[in-house]
């Protein structure tokens, strides 16, 4: 018997053997969330890296503060509060539709998920536009002195988080609108999770950049 014949014969004998299920997976959910999803760990690691970057920027701000007898430095105006405060309020309000679309995603409710995702996307686009206006509220060029550089660094570093989150929300809304959504529900929930982080880390940054100069 040739080698090919032996292989065919062995394959035939294996095919005749009864198959027994090793594990019954019929009761496992088709969609999971949180730490059971690999991408959740990637998102969490990304947030840890961004938190470290923002922490370094804020720490640099306080380091520079200690080197000035007058803060902000002489002939440097205080930052304005109007636009940054409105921006902060809008960011906090954006958490409402984020929470609602995350809940809808976990229910696999496509209409509610889409509705609240588009609301969140619009609110976050408004927040992004306000952030661009916010740079002028610092009332100083980024290269004017060390204070200006660290203040701009804090605002710009968080701006990158806001921009990334806004684009991600818009992208997921488009995907959910145009494709079969089941496989994307965990990603939608993680988008909301990232939004909570993005807003939470801005609050101490806002206090640092806009209120601390008025307190010291």
N, C-alpha and C. Protein backbone atom coordinates (compact mmCIF):
# COMPACT_ATOMS: atom_id res chain seq x y z
N UNK A 1 0.85 -1.19 0.00
CA UNK A 1 0.00 0.00 0.00
C UNK A 1 0.89 1.24 0.00
N UNK A 2 0.52 2.16 -0.83
CA UNK A 2 1.30 3.40 -0.89
C UNK A 2 1.02 4.26 0.33
N UNK A 3 1.89 5.26 0.50
CA UNK A 3 1.72 6.19 1.63
C UNK A 3 0.38 6.90 1.53
N UNK A 4 0.02 7.30 0.32
CA UNK A 4 -1.26 7.99 0.13
C UNK A 4 -2.42 7.08 0.49
N UNK A 5 -2.29 5.80 0.13
CA UNK A 5 -3.35 4.85 0.46
C UNK A 5 -3.47 4.66 1.96
N UNK A 6 -2.33 4.60 2.67
CA UNK A 6 -2.38 4.45 4.12
C UNK A 6 -3.04 5.65 4.79
N UNK A 7 -2.69 6.84 4.28
CA UNK A 7 -3.30 8.05 4.84
C UNK A 7 -4.81 8.05 4.62
N UNK A 8 -5.24 7.65 3.42
CA UNK A 8 -6.67 7.61 3.11
C UNK A 8 -7.40 6.60 3.99
N UNK A 9 -6.72 5.45 4.21
CA UNK A 9 -7.34 4.43 5.06
C UNK A 9 -7.49 4.91 6.49
N UNK A 10 -6.44 5.57 7.02
CA UNK A 10 -6.49 6.10 8.39
C UNK A 10 -7.55 7.18 8.52
N UNK A 11 -7.66 8.02 7.50
CA UNK A 11 -8.69 9.06 7.51
C UNK A 11 -10.08 8.44 7.52
N UNK A 12 -10.25 7.36 6.78
CA UNK A 12 -11.54 6.69 6.77
C UNK A 12 -11.88 6.08 8.12
N UNK A 13 -10.87 5.46 8.79
CA UNK A 13 -11.12 4.89 10.12
C UNK A 13 -11.48 5.98 11.12
N UNK A 14 -10.80 7.16 11.02
CA UNK A 14 -11.11 8.25 11.95
C UNK A 14 -12.52 8.78 11.72
N UNK A 15 -12.93 8.81 10.44
CA UNK A 15 -14.26 9.31 10.13
C UNK A 15 -15.35 8.40 10.69
N UNK A 16 -15.03 7.09 10.86
CA UNK A 16 -16.02 6.15 11.38
C UNK A 16 -16.18 6.23 12.89
N UNK A 17 -15.20 6.84 13.57
CA UNK A 17 -15.27 6.92 15.02
C UNK A 17 -16.35 7.91 15.46
N UNK A 18 -17.12 7.60 16.47
CA UNK A 18 -18.14 8.55 16.96
C UNK A 18 -17.48 9.76 17.60
N UNK A 19 -18.04 10.92 17.35
CA UNK A 19 -17.51 12.17 17.90
C UNK A 19 -18.25 12.53 19.17
N UNK A 20 -17.50 12.92 20.19
CA UNK A 20 -18.10 13.35 21.45
C UNK A 20 -17.78 14.81 21.71
N UNK A 21 -18.78 15.62 22.04
CA UNK A 21 -18.47 17.02 22.34
C UNK A 21 -17.63 17.13 23.60
N UNK A 22 -16.60 17.92 23.54
CA UNK A 22 -15.74 18.12 24.70
C UNK A 22 -16.31 19.21 25.61
N UNK A 23 -16.75 20.31 25.01
CA UNK A 23 -17.33 21.41 25.78
C UNK A 23 -18.57 21.89 25.06
N UNK A 24 -19.62 22.14 25.81
CA UNK A 24 -20.86 22.68 25.25
C UNK A 24 -20.84 24.20 25.39
N UNK A 25 -20.73 24.89 24.26
CA UNK A 25 -20.63 26.36 24.28
C UNK A 25 -21.92 27.01 23.81
N UNK A 26 -22.99 26.24 23.71
CA UNK A 26 -24.23 26.79 23.17
C UNK A 26 -24.84 27.85 24.07
N UNK A 27 -24.52 27.80 25.38
CA UNK A 27 -25.12 28.76 26.31
C UNK A 27 -24.27 30.03 26.48
N UNK A 28 -23.09 30.09 25.86
CA UNK A 28 -22.24 31.26 26.00
C UNK A 28 -22.82 32.44 25.22
N UNK A 29 -22.70 33.65 25.74
CA UNK A 29 -23.23 34.82 25.02
C UNK A 29 -22.42 35.11 23.76
N UNK A 30 -23.10 35.63 22.75
CA UNK A 30 -22.41 35.96 21.50
C UNK A 30 -21.70 37.31 21.57
N UNK A 31 -22.10 38.17 22.53
CA UNK A 31 -21.50 39.49 22.72
C UNK A 31 -21.17 39.67 24.19
N UNK A 32 -19.93 40.07 24.48
CA UNK A 32 -19.53 40.31 25.87
C UNK A 32 -18.93 41.70 25.99
N UNK A 33 -18.81 42.16 27.23
CA UNK A 33 -18.36 43.52 27.47
C UNK A 33 -17.31 43.55 28.58
N UNK A 34 -16.67 44.69 28.70
CA UNK A 34 -15.74 44.89 29.81
C UNK A 34 -14.47 44.09 29.66
N UNK A 35 -13.96 43.63 30.78
CA UNK A 35 -12.65 42.98 30.80
C UNK A 35 -12.63 41.64 30.07
N UNK A 36 -13.78 41.13 29.67
CA UNK A 36 -13.81 39.88 28.89
C UNK A 36 -13.50 40.11 27.41
N UNK A 37 -13.37 41.37 27.00
CA UNK A 37 -13.05 41.71 25.62
C UNK A 37 -11.60 42.17 25.54
N UNK A 38 -10.85 41.65 24.58
CA UNK A 38 -9.44 42.00 24.46
C UNK A 38 -9.26 43.49 24.25
N UNK A 39 -10.12 44.10 23.43
CA UNK A 39 -9.97 45.53 23.14
C UNK A 39 -10.18 46.39 24.38
N UNK A 40 -10.91 45.89 25.36
CA UNK A 40 -11.08 46.66 26.61
C UNK A 40 -9.74 46.86 27.28
N UNK A 41 -8.91 45.83 27.25
CA UNK A 41 -7.58 45.94 27.86
C UNK A 41 -6.72 46.92 27.08
N UNK A 42 -6.85 46.93 25.76
CA UNK A 42 -6.11 47.91 24.96
C UNK A 42 -6.55 49.33 25.28
N UNK A 43 -7.87 49.54 25.40
CA UNK A 43 -8.38 50.86 25.75
C UNK A 43 -7.90 51.29 27.13
N UNK A 44 -7.90 50.37 28.07
CA UNK A 44 -7.45 50.69 29.43
C UNK A 44 -5.97 51.05 29.44
N UNK A 45 -5.16 50.31 28.69
CA UNK A 45 -3.74 50.63 28.60
C UNK A 45 -3.50 51.98 27.95
N UNK A 46 -4.30 52.28 26.92
CA UNK A 46 -4.20 53.58 26.25
C UNK A 46 -4.53 54.71 27.23
N UNK A 47 -5.56 54.52 28.04
CA UNK A 47 -5.93 55.53 29.02
C UNK A 47 -4.84 55.71 30.07
N UNK A 48 -4.21 54.62 30.47
CA UNK A 48 -3.12 54.72 31.45
C UNK A 48 -1.97 55.54 30.89
N UNK A 49 -1.63 55.32 29.61
CA UNK A 49 -0.55 56.08 28.99
C UNK A 49 -0.90 57.55 28.89
N UNK A 50 -2.15 57.85 28.52
CA UNK A 50 -2.57 59.24 28.40
C UNK A 50 -2.63 59.92 29.76
N UNK A 51 -3.06 59.18 30.78
CA UNK A 51 -3.09 59.75 32.13
C UNK A 51 -1.67 60.09 32.59
N UNK A 52 -0.70 59.26 32.23
CA UNK A 52 0.69 59.53 32.60
C UNK A 52 1.19 60.79 31.88
N UNK A 53 0.82 60.96 30.61
CA UNK A 53 1.23 62.15 29.86
C UNK A 53 0.65 63.41 30.46
N UNK A 54 -0.64 63.38 30.77
CA UNK A 54 -1.28 64.56 31.36
C UNK A 54 -0.71 64.84 32.75
N UNK A 55 -0.44 63.79 33.51
CA UNK A 55 0.15 63.98 34.84
C UNK A 55 1.51 64.66 34.74
N UNK A 56 2.30 64.29 33.75
CA UNK A 56 3.60 64.92 33.55
C UNK A 56 3.44 66.40 33.20
N UNK A 57 2.45 66.72 32.36
CA UNK A 57 2.21 68.12 31.99
C UNK A 57 1.78 68.94 33.21
N UNK A 58 0.86 68.38 34.00
CA UNK A 58 0.38 69.10 35.19
C UNK A 58 1.50 69.25 36.21
N UNK A 59 2.30 68.20 36.39
CA UNK A 59 3.43 68.29 37.32
C UNK A 59 4.42 69.36 36.87
N UNK A 60 4.64 69.47 35.56
CA UNK A 60 5.53 70.51 35.04
C UNK A 60 4.97 71.89 35.32
N UNK A 61 3.65 72.03 35.23
CA UNK A 61 3.01 73.31 35.52
C UNK A 61 3.30 73.74 36.95
N UNK A 62 3.13 72.81 37.91
CA UNK A 62 3.36 73.16 39.31
C UNK A 62 4.84 73.37 39.60
N UNK A 63 5.69 72.67 38.87
CA UNK A 63 7.13 72.90 39.03
C UNK A 63 7.49 74.32 38.59
N UNK A 64 6.94 74.74 37.46
CA UNK A 64 7.21 76.09 36.97
C UNK A 64 6.64 77.12 37.93
N UNK A 65 5.46 76.85 38.47
CA UNK A 65 4.83 77.79 39.41
C UNK A 65 5.76 78.13 40.57
N UNK A 66 6.48 77.15 41.07
CA UNK A 66 7.36 77.37 42.22
C UNK A 66 8.55 78.27 41.89
N UNK A 67 8.86 78.44 40.61
CA UNK A 67 10.02 79.24 40.21
C UNK A 67 9.69 80.71 39.95
N UNK A 68 8.43 81.09 40.15
CA UNK A 68 8.03 82.47 39.95
C UNK A 68 7.58 83.08 41.27
N UNK A 69 8.02 84.30 41.54
CA UNK A 69 7.51 85.02 42.69
C UNK A 69 6.10 85.54 42.43
N UNK A 70 5.83 85.90 41.17
CA UNK A 70 4.51 86.33 40.75
C UNK A 70 4.01 85.34 39.70
N UNK A 71 2.81 84.85 39.89
CA UNK A 71 2.30 83.83 38.96
C UNK A 71 0.86 84.17 38.59
N UNK A 72 0.57 84.27 37.29
CA UNK A 72 1.50 84.21 36.16
C UNK A 72 2.59 85.28 36.24
N UNK A 73 3.61 85.14 35.42
CA UNK A 73 4.71 86.12 35.46
C UNK A 73 4.21 87.54 35.21
N UNK A 74 4.99 88.53 35.61
CA UNK A 74 4.63 89.93 35.41
C UNK A 74 4.34 90.21 33.94
N UNK A 75 3.36 91.07 33.72
CA UNK A 75 2.92 91.46 32.37
C UNK A 75 2.29 90.31 31.59
N UNK A 76 1.92 89.25 32.29
CA UNK A 76 1.20 88.14 31.66
C UNK A 76 -0.22 88.11 32.22
N UNK A 77 -1.23 88.33 31.41
CA UNK A 77 -2.60 88.38 31.93
C UNK A 77 -3.10 87.02 32.38
N UNK A 78 -4.07 87.03 33.27
CA UNK A 78 -4.71 85.80 33.69
C UNK A 78 -5.51 85.21 32.52
N UNK A 79 -5.65 83.89 32.48
CA UNK A 79 -6.49 83.30 31.43
C UNK A 79 -7.96 83.65 31.66
N UNK A 80 -8.69 83.77 30.56
CA UNK A 80 -10.13 84.03 30.66
C UNK A 80 -10.85 82.77 31.16
N UNK A 81 -12.02 82.98 31.75
CA UNK A 81 -12.78 81.85 32.29
C UNK A 81 -14.02 81.49 31.48
N UNK A 82 -14.53 82.42 30.67
CA UNK A 82 -15.84 82.21 30.05
C UNK A 82 -15.86 80.98 29.14
N UNK A 83 -15.06 81.00 28.09
CA UNK A 83 -15.08 79.88 27.13
C UNK A 83 -14.63 78.57 27.77
N UNK A 84 -13.54 78.55 28.57
CA UNK A 84 -13.15 77.29 29.21
C UNK A 84 -14.23 76.72 30.13
N UNK A 85 -14.96 77.59 30.82
CA UNK A 85 -16.00 77.09 31.71
C UNK A 85 -17.18 76.53 30.92
N UNK A 86 -17.57 77.22 29.85
CA UNK A 86 -18.63 76.69 28.98
C UNK A 86 -18.19 75.35 28.39
N UNK A 87 -16.94 75.28 27.97
CA UNK A 87 -16.40 74.03 27.41
C UNK A 87 -16.47 72.89 28.43
N UNK A 88 -16.12 73.19 29.68
CA UNK A 88 -16.18 72.16 30.72
C UNK A 88 -17.61 71.69 30.93
N UNK A 89 -18.56 72.62 30.95
CA UNK A 89 -19.97 72.25 31.15
C UNK A 89 -20.45 71.37 30.00
N UNK A 90 -20.08 71.74 28.77
CA UNK A 90 -20.49 70.94 27.61
C UNK A 90 -19.90 69.53 27.69
N UNK A 91 -18.64 69.43 28.10
CA UNK A 91 -18.02 68.11 28.24
C UNK A 91 -18.76 67.26 29.26
N UNK A 92 -19.11 67.86 30.39
CA UNK A 92 -19.84 67.11 31.41
C UNK A 92 -21.21 66.68 30.89
N UNK A 93 -21.88 67.57 30.17
CA UNK A 93 -23.19 67.22 29.60
C UNK A 93 -23.08 66.09 28.58
N UNK A 94 -21.93 65.99 27.90
CA UNK A 94 -21.75 64.93 26.89
C UNK A 94 -21.79 63.54 27.52
N UNK A 95 -21.56 63.47 28.83
CA UNK A 95 -21.58 62.16 29.49
C UNK A 95 -22.99 61.56 29.52
N UNK A 96 -24.01 62.41 29.45
CA UNK A 96 -25.39 61.89 29.50
C UNK A 96 -25.69 61.02 28.28
N UNK A 97 -25.53 61.53 27.04
CA UNK A 97 -25.77 60.64 25.89
C UNK A 97 -24.77 59.49 25.82
N UNK A 98 -23.54 59.69 26.31
CA UNK A 98 -22.58 58.58 26.32
C UNK A 98 -23.08 57.44 27.21
N UNK A 99 -23.57 57.79 28.38
CA UNK A 99 -24.11 56.78 29.29
C UNK A 99 -25.32 56.08 28.67
N UNK A 100 -26.17 56.85 27.99
CA UNK A 100 -27.38 56.26 27.42
C UNK A 100 -27.07 55.36 26.23
N UNK A 101 -26.10 55.75 25.37
CA UNK A 101 -25.80 54.84 24.25
C UNK A 101 -25.04 53.61 24.72
N UNK A 102 -24.27 53.72 25.81
CA UNK A 102 -23.62 52.53 26.35
C UNK A 102 -24.64 51.54 26.89
N UNK A 103 -25.64 52.05 27.60
CA UNK A 103 -26.72 51.19 28.10
C UNK A 103 -27.48 50.54 26.96
N UNK A 104 -27.79 51.33 25.93
CA UNK A 104 -28.52 50.79 24.78
C UNK A 104 -27.70 49.72 24.07
N UNK A 105 -26.38 49.93 23.96
CA UNK A 105 -25.52 48.95 23.31
C UNK A 105 -25.53 47.62 24.07
N UNK A 106 -25.54 47.70 25.38
CA UNK A 106 -25.55 46.47 26.18
C UNK A 106 -26.89 45.74 26.09
N UNK A 107 -27.93 46.47 25.69
CA UNK A 107 -29.23 45.83 25.44
C UNK A 107 -29.36 45.37 23.99
N UNK A 108 -28.34 45.66 23.17
CA UNK A 108 -28.36 45.38 21.72
C UNK A 108 -29.52 46.12 21.05
N UNK A 109 -29.79 47.31 21.54
CA UNK A 109 -30.87 48.15 21.03
C UNK A 109 -30.29 49.12 20.00
N UNK A 110 -30.37 48.74 18.74
CA UNK A 110 -29.72 49.55 17.70
C UNK A 110 -30.32 50.95 17.55
N UNK A 111 -31.65 51.11 17.49
CA UNK A 111 -32.19 52.47 17.32
C UNK A 111 -31.77 53.42 18.44
N UNK A 112 -31.85 52.96 19.70
CA UNK A 112 -31.48 53.82 20.82
C UNK A 112 -29.98 54.09 20.81
N UNK A 113 -29.20 53.08 20.47
CA UNK A 113 -27.75 53.27 20.40
C UNK A 113 -27.39 54.34 19.38
N UNK A 114 -27.97 54.23 18.20
CA UNK A 114 -27.69 55.21 17.15
C UNK A 114 -28.15 56.60 17.55
N UNK A 115 -29.35 56.70 18.11
CA UNK A 115 -29.87 58.01 18.46
C UNK A 115 -28.95 58.73 19.45
N UNK A 116 -28.56 58.04 20.49
CA UNK A 116 -27.74 58.69 21.52
C UNK A 116 -26.29 58.85 21.09
N UNK A 117 -25.83 57.99 20.18
CA UNK A 117 -24.47 58.19 19.66
C UNK A 117 -24.38 59.47 18.83
N UNK A 118 -25.39 59.73 18.01
CA UNK A 118 -25.37 60.95 17.21
C UNK A 118 -25.51 62.19 18.09
N UNK A 119 -26.32 62.09 19.14
CA UNK A 119 -26.42 63.22 20.08
C UNK A 119 -25.06 63.47 20.73
N UNK A 120 -24.42 62.39 21.19
CA UNK A 120 -23.10 62.53 21.81
C UNK A 120 -22.09 63.11 20.83
N UNK A 121 -22.14 62.66 19.58
CA UNK A 121 -21.20 63.15 18.57
C UNK A 121 -21.36 64.65 18.35
N UNK A 122 -22.61 65.12 18.28
CA UNK A 122 -22.85 66.56 18.08
C UNK A 122 -22.33 67.36 19.28
N UNK A 123 -22.63 66.89 20.49
CA UNK A 123 -22.19 67.61 21.69
C UNK A 123 -20.66 67.65 21.75
N UNK A 124 -20.01 66.55 21.39
CA UNK A 124 -18.56 66.50 21.45
C UNK A 124 -17.92 67.34 20.34
N UNK A 125 -18.57 67.46 19.20
CA UNK A 125 -18.07 68.36 18.16
C UNK A 125 -18.14 69.81 18.65
N UNK A 126 -19.20 70.15 19.36
CA UNK A 126 -19.30 71.49 19.94
C UNK A 126 -18.18 71.70 20.95
N UNK A 127 -17.93 70.69 21.79
CA UNK A 127 -16.85 70.80 22.78
C UNK A 127 -15.50 70.96 22.09
N UNK A 128 -15.29 70.28 20.98
CA UNK A 128 -14.03 70.40 20.24
C UNK A 128 -13.85 71.80 19.68
N UNK A 129 -14.94 72.36 19.14
CA UNK A 129 -14.87 73.73 18.62
C UNK A 129 -14.57 74.72 19.75
N UNK A 130 -15.19 74.52 20.90
CA UNK A 130 -14.92 75.39 22.05
C UNK A 130 -13.47 75.27 22.50
N UNK A 131 -12.93 74.06 22.44
CA UNK A 131 -11.54 73.88 22.86
C UNK A 131 -10.60 74.65 21.93
N UNK A 132 -10.89 74.68 20.63
CA UNK A 132 -10.06 75.45 19.72
C UNK A 132 -10.11 76.94 20.07
N UNK A 133 -11.29 77.42 20.47
CA UNK A 133 -11.41 78.81 20.92
C UNK A 133 -10.69 79.02 22.24
N UNK A 134 -10.60 77.96 23.02
CA UNK A 134 -10.04 78.05 24.36
C UNK A 134 -8.55 78.41 24.36
N UNK A 135 -7.85 78.06 23.31
CA UNK A 135 -6.43 78.40 23.26
C UNK A 135 -6.22 79.91 23.33
N UNK A 136 -7.10 80.66 22.69
CA UNK A 136 -6.96 82.12 22.76
C UNK A 136 -7.32 82.64 24.14
N UNK A 137 -8.09 81.86 24.92
CA UNK A 137 -8.45 82.27 26.27
C UNK A 137 -7.27 82.24 27.22
N UNK A 138 -6.19 81.58 26.83
CA UNK A 138 -4.99 81.57 27.69
C UNK A 138 -4.31 82.95 27.72
N UNK A 139 -4.62 83.78 26.73
CA UNK A 139 -4.13 85.17 26.70
C UNK A 139 -2.60 85.28 26.66
N UNK A 140 -1.93 84.27 26.11
CA UNK A 140 -0.49 84.32 26.02
C UNK A 140 -0.05 83.34 24.93
N UNK A 141 0.99 83.70 24.20
CA UNK A 141 1.54 82.78 23.20
C UNK A 141 2.23 81.61 23.92
N UNK A 142 2.27 80.49 23.23
CA UNK A 142 2.83 79.29 23.84
C UNK A 142 4.32 79.43 24.14
N UNK A 143 5.01 80.29 23.38
CA UNK A 143 6.46 80.44 23.54
C UNK A 143 6.85 81.72 24.28
N UNK A 144 5.89 82.37 24.94
CA UNK A 144 6.20 83.63 25.61
C UNK A 144 7.11 83.43 26.82
N UNK A 145 6.88 82.37 27.58
CA UNK A 145 7.68 82.07 28.77
C UNK A 145 7.36 80.64 29.20
N UNK A 146 8.00 80.20 30.30
CA UNK A 146 7.81 78.81 30.76
C UNK A 146 6.36 78.57 31.19
N UNK A 147 5.76 79.57 31.85
CA UNK A 147 4.36 79.44 32.26
C UNK A 147 3.47 79.20 31.04
N UNK A 148 3.66 79.99 30.01
CA UNK A 148 2.84 79.85 28.80
C UNK A 148 3.02 78.46 28.18
N UNK A 149 4.24 77.99 28.15
CA UNK A 149 4.50 76.69 27.52
C UNK A 149 3.80 75.55 28.25
N UNK A 150 3.87 75.55 29.58
CA UNK A 150 3.24 74.44 30.31
C UNK A 150 1.73 74.56 30.29
N UNK A 151 1.19 75.79 30.32
CA UNK A 151 -0.25 75.96 30.24
C UNK A 151 -0.78 75.46 28.89
N UNK A 152 -0.11 75.84 27.81
CA UNK A 152 -0.49 75.34 26.49
C UNK A 152 -0.34 73.82 26.41
N UNK A 153 0.72 73.29 27.03
CA UNK A 153 0.95 71.84 26.98
C UNK A 153 -0.19 71.08 27.62
N UNK A 154 -0.68 71.56 28.76
CA UNK A 154 -1.78 70.88 29.44
C UNK A 154 -3.04 70.89 28.57
N UNK A 155 -3.37 72.08 28.05
CA UNK A 155 -4.59 72.20 27.24
C UNK A 155 -4.47 71.40 25.94
N UNK A 156 -3.31 71.48 25.29
CA UNK A 156 -3.14 70.76 24.02
C UNK A 156 -3.12 69.24 24.23
N UNK A 157 -2.47 68.79 25.30
CA UNK A 157 -2.43 67.34 25.55
C UNK A 157 -3.84 66.79 25.72
N UNK A 158 -4.67 67.51 26.46
CA UNK A 158 -6.05 67.02 26.62
C UNK A 158 -6.85 67.19 25.34
N UNK A 159 -6.53 68.22 24.55
CA UNK A 159 -7.22 68.40 23.27
C UNK A 159 -7.06 67.17 22.38
N UNK A 160 -5.89 66.56 22.40
CA UNK A 160 -5.69 65.35 21.59
C UNK A 160 -6.62 64.23 22.04
N UNK A 161 -6.86 64.12 23.35
CA UNK A 161 -7.79 63.11 23.86
C UNK A 161 -9.21 63.40 23.39
N UNK A 162 -9.60 64.67 23.51
CA UNK A 162 -10.94 65.08 23.09
C UNK A 162 -11.15 64.84 21.61
N UNK A 163 -10.17 65.21 20.80
CA UNK A 163 -10.29 65.02 19.36
C UNK A 163 -10.40 63.55 19.00
N UNK A 164 -9.55 62.71 19.62
CA UNK A 164 -9.60 61.28 19.34
C UNK A 164 -10.94 60.68 19.73
N UNK A 165 -11.47 61.08 20.88
CA UNK A 165 -12.75 60.55 21.34
C UNK A 165 -13.89 61.00 20.43
N UNK A 166 -13.85 62.26 19.99
CA UNK A 166 -14.89 62.77 19.10
C UNK A 166 -14.89 62.01 17.78
N UNK A 167 -13.72 61.83 17.20
CA UNK A 167 -13.62 61.10 15.93
C UNK A 167 -14.06 59.65 16.09
N UNK A 168 -13.70 59.03 17.22
CA UNK A 168 -14.10 57.65 17.46
C UNK A 168 -15.62 57.53 17.57
N UNK A 169 -16.25 58.48 18.27
CA UNK A 169 -17.70 58.44 18.43
C UNK A 169 -18.39 58.61 17.08
N UNK A 170 -17.92 59.56 16.27
CA UNK A 170 -18.51 59.76 14.94
C UNK A 170 -18.31 58.51 14.08
N UNK A 171 -17.13 57.92 14.13
CA UNK A 171 -16.85 56.73 13.33
C UNK A 171 -17.75 55.57 13.72
N UNK A 172 -17.90 55.33 15.02
CA UNK A 172 -18.77 54.24 15.46
C UNK A 172 -20.22 54.52 15.07
N UNK A 173 -20.66 55.76 15.13
CA UNK A 173 -22.02 56.09 14.74
C UNK A 173 -22.25 55.77 13.26
N UNK A 174 -21.26 56.11 12.43
CA UNK A 174 -21.37 55.81 11.00
C UNK A 174 -21.40 54.30 10.76
N UNK A 175 -20.52 53.56 11.46
CA UNK A 175 -20.47 52.10 11.31
C UNK A 175 -21.79 51.48 11.75
N UNK A 176 -22.29 51.91 12.90
CA UNK A 176 -23.56 51.35 13.39
C UNK A 176 -24.72 51.68 12.46
N UNK A 177 -24.61 52.81 11.77
CA UNK A 177 -25.66 53.23 10.84
C UNK A 177 -25.63 52.41 9.56
N UNK A 178 -24.46 51.97 9.13
CA UNK A 178 -24.31 51.39 7.79
C UNK A 178 -24.03 49.90 7.77
N UNK A 179 -23.69 49.30 8.91
CA UNK A 179 -23.33 47.89 8.91
C UNK A 179 -24.13 47.11 9.95
N UNK A 180 -24.06 45.80 9.85
CA UNK A 180 -24.70 44.95 10.85
C UNK A 180 -23.99 45.20 12.18
N UNK A 181 -24.73 45.60 13.23
CA UNK A 181 -24.07 46.19 14.40
C UNK A 181 -23.59 45.24 15.48
N UNK A 182 -23.97 43.96 15.44
CA UNK A 182 -23.75 43.10 16.60
C UNK A 182 -22.30 43.08 17.06
N UNK A 183 -21.37 42.94 16.15
CA UNK A 183 -19.96 42.81 16.53
C UNK A 183 -19.38 44.12 17.06
N UNK A 184 -20.09 45.24 16.84
CA UNK A 184 -19.55 46.54 17.24
C UNK A 184 -20.07 47.05 18.58
N UNK A 185 -21.05 46.35 19.15
CA UNK A 185 -21.61 46.82 20.42
C UNK A 185 -20.55 46.93 21.54
N UNK A 186 -19.64 45.96 21.70
CA UNK A 186 -18.61 46.14 22.74
C UNK A 186 -17.74 47.36 22.51
N UNK A 187 -17.40 47.65 21.26
CA UNK A 187 -16.61 48.82 20.96
C UNK A 187 -17.35 50.10 21.30
N UNK A 188 -18.65 50.12 21.06
CA UNK A 188 -19.46 51.29 21.41
C UNK A 188 -19.44 51.51 22.92
N UNK A 189 -19.59 50.44 23.70
CA UNK A 189 -19.54 50.56 25.16
C UNK A 189 -18.17 51.06 25.63
N UNK A 190 -17.11 50.60 24.98
CA UNK A 190 -15.76 51.07 25.35
C UNK A 190 -15.55 52.53 24.98
N UNK A 191 -16.21 52.98 23.91
CA UNK A 191 -16.13 54.39 23.53
C UNK A 191 -16.70 55.26 24.66
N UNK A 192 -17.82 54.84 25.24
CA UNK A 192 -18.39 55.58 26.37
C UNK A 192 -17.45 55.52 27.57
N UNK A 193 -16.86 54.37 27.81
CA UNK A 193 -15.91 54.21 28.92
C UNK A 193 -14.74 55.19 28.76
N UNK A 194 -14.26 55.33 27.55
CA UNK A 194 -13.16 56.27 27.29
C UNK A 194 -13.63 57.71 27.48
N UNK A 195 -14.86 58.01 27.12
CA UNK A 195 -15.38 59.36 27.30
C UNK A 195 -15.44 59.74 28.78
N UNK A 196 -15.84 58.78 29.63
CA UNK A 196 -15.86 59.06 31.07
C UNK A 196 -14.46 59.46 31.53
N UNK A 197 -13.47 58.72 31.07
CA UNK A 197 -12.08 59.02 31.45
C UNK A 197 -11.67 60.39 30.93
N UNK A 198 -11.98 60.67 29.66
CA UNK A 198 -11.55 61.91 29.03
C UNK A 198 -12.10 63.13 29.77
N UNK A 199 -13.35 63.07 30.19
CA UNK A 199 -13.95 64.19 30.91
C UNK A 199 -13.40 64.28 32.32
N UNK A 200 -13.25 63.13 32.98
CA UNK A 200 -12.78 63.13 34.37
C UNK A 200 -11.38 63.73 34.49
N UNK A 201 -10.49 63.40 33.56
CA UNK A 201 -9.11 63.91 33.69
C UNK A 201 -9.02 65.40 33.35
N UNK A 202 -10.03 65.93 32.63
CA UNK A 202 -9.97 67.35 32.31
C UNK A 202 -10.29 68.23 33.52
N UNK A 203 -11.07 67.75 34.46
CA UNK A 203 -11.48 68.58 35.60
C UNK A 203 -10.27 69.09 36.39
N UNK A 204 -9.32 68.23 36.82
CA UNK A 204 -8.14 68.77 37.50
C UNK A 204 -7.27 69.63 36.59
N UNK A 205 -7.28 69.35 35.29
CA UNK A 205 -6.52 70.20 34.36
C UNK A 205 -7.14 71.59 34.28
N UNK A 206 -8.46 71.65 34.23
CA UNK A 206 -9.17 72.95 34.21
C UNK A 206 -8.85 73.74 35.47
N UNK A 207 -8.90 73.08 36.62
CA UNK A 207 -8.59 73.76 37.88
C UNK A 207 -7.16 74.29 37.86
N UNK A 208 -6.25 73.48 37.36
CA UNK A 208 -4.83 73.87 37.33
C UNK A 208 -4.59 75.08 36.44
N UNK A 209 -5.11 75.04 35.23
CA UNK A 209 -4.78 76.08 34.25
C UNK A 209 -5.56 77.37 34.48
N UNK A 210 -6.83 77.26 34.89
CA UNK A 210 -7.67 78.45 34.93
C UNK A 210 -7.96 78.99 36.33
N UNK A 211 -7.89 78.15 37.35
CA UNK A 211 -8.21 78.62 38.69
C UNK A 211 -6.98 78.83 39.57
N UNK A 212 -6.00 77.93 39.45
CA UNK A 212 -4.80 78.07 40.29
C UNK A 212 -4.12 79.42 40.14
N UNK A 213 -3.97 79.98 38.91
CA UNK A 213 -3.36 81.31 38.80
C UNK A 213 -4.12 82.40 39.57
N UNK A 214 -5.39 82.18 39.83
CA UNK A 214 -6.18 83.15 40.58
C UNK A 214 -6.08 82.94 42.08
N UNK A 215 -5.56 81.78 42.46
CA UNK A 215 -5.51 81.45 43.89
C UNK A 215 -4.13 81.70 44.51
N UNK A 216 -3.09 81.63 43.70
CA UNK A 216 -1.74 81.73 44.26
C UNK A 216 -1.32 83.19 44.41
